[in-house]
Protein backbone atom coordinates (compact mmCIF):
# COMPACT_ATOMS: atom_id res chain seq x y z
CA THR A 1 43.16 89.46 40.17
CA GLY A 2 41.80 92.89 39.33
CA ARG A 3 39.68 91.37 36.57
CA ASP A 4 36.11 92.13 35.65
CA THR A 5 33.69 89.62 34.17
CA ASP A 6 33.88 91.52 30.86
CA ASP A 7 37.59 90.65 30.57
CA TYR A 8 36.93 86.99 29.77
CA ASP A 9 36.52 85.59 26.26
CA LEU A 10 35.09 82.27 27.52
CA VAL A 11 33.60 81.08 30.80
CA GLU A 12 33.16 77.48 31.90
CA LEU A 13 30.95 77.31 35.00
CA ASN A 14 30.62 73.85 36.49
CA GLU A 15 27.43 73.45 38.46
CA ALA A 16 25.21 70.41 38.85
CA PHE A 17 21.97 72.39 39.18
CA ALA A 18 20.53 74.29 36.21
CA SER A 19 18.88 76.92 38.41
CA GLN A 20 22.23 77.77 40.02
CA THR A 21 23.92 78.01 36.62
CA LEU A 22 21.26 80.42 35.35
CA TYR A 23 21.47 82.50 38.52
CA CYS A 24 25.27 82.77 38.32
CA ARG A 25 25.21 83.74 34.64
CA ARG A 26 22.62 86.46 35.25
CA GLU A 27 24.15 87.74 38.48
CA LEU A 28 27.67 87.92 37.04
CA GLY A 29 26.47 89.31 33.70
CA PHE A 30 28.09 86.79 31.36
CA ASP A 31 26.84 86.80 27.76
CA ASP A 32 25.31 83.58 26.43
CA ASP A 33 27.82 83.49 23.57
CA ILE A 34 30.79 83.02 25.96
CA PHE A 35 29.15 81.07 28.78
CA ASN A 36 29.28 77.24 28.82
CA VAL A 37 29.33 77.27 25.02
CA ASN A 38 29.43 73.46 24.76
CA GLY A 39 26.96 72.88 27.58
CA GLY A 40 27.61 72.74 31.28
CA ALA A 41 27.96 70.05 33.88
CA ILE A 42 24.51 68.65 33.15
CA ALA A 43 25.15 68.27 29.40
CA ILE A 44 28.84 67.30 29.39
CA GLY A 45 29.14 65.56 32.72
CA HIS A 46 29.84 66.23 36.34
CA PRO A 47 32.17 63.33 37.20
CA LEU A 48 32.92 63.04 40.88
CA GLY A 49 36.59 63.79 41.39
CA ALA A 50 37.25 64.56 37.72
CA SER A 51 35.72 68.02 37.27
CA GLY A 52 39.06 69.65 38.03
CA ALA A 53 40.54 67.87 35.02
CA ARG A 54 37.56 68.13 32.67
CA LEU A 55 36.97 71.86 33.11
CA PRO A 56 40.41 73.13 32.03
CA VAL A 57 40.58 70.69 29.10
CA THR A 58 37.12 71.70 27.83
CA LEU A 59 37.88 75.40 28.26
CA ILE A 60 41.36 75.37 26.71
CA HIS A 61 40.25 73.34 23.69
CA GLU A 62 37.44 75.82 23.03
CA MET A 63 39.78 78.77 23.58
CA ASN A 64 42.15 77.35 20.96
CA ARG A 65 39.28 76.68 18.56
CA ARG A 66 38.00 80.25 18.85
CA GLY A 67 41.34 82.01 19.17
CA ALA A 68 40.34 83.31 22.61
CA ASP A 69 42.97 84.87 24.88
CA LEU A 70 41.50 84.72 28.37
CA GLY A 71 39.14 82.22 29.96
CA VAL A 72 37.95 81.25 33.40
CA ALA A 73 36.66 77.95 34.77
CA THR A 74 34.72 77.74 38.01
CA GLU A 75 33.88 74.71 40.07
CA CYS A 76 31.31 74.09 42.76
CA VAL A 77 32.78 72.17 45.64
CA GLY A 78 29.81 71.73 47.94
CA PHE A 79 28.80 73.18 51.28
CA GLY A 80 28.96 76.71 49.86
CA GLN A 81 32.53 76.43 48.66
CA GLY A 82 33.91 77.02 45.20
CA LYS A 83 37.01 77.82 43.23
CA ALA A 84 38.00 79.38 39.93
CA ILE A 85 41.05 79.26 37.70
CA GLU A 86 42.02 81.64 34.93
CA PHE A 87 43.74 80.58 31.71
CA ARG A 88 45.58 82.66 29.14
CA VAL A 89 46.24 80.89 25.84
């Protein structure tokens, strides 16, 4: 997409393991004030088969609340896979 991690106003990273979440935040350089601001998969939930619906809803509601323009949601899939989707509100 040509984007850098600094381009995002909010980031929703869905990961079932706290250590992986911390590693991703540090490695990608996301600030605490934009990263999983309402809690992540452990706090909010990691429903099997529903993460793809929960993530965008959580992110877009928070983007609207904060007046954010650009957000990204990531999802662990298992077996080393993953995906991300970008939203502009």
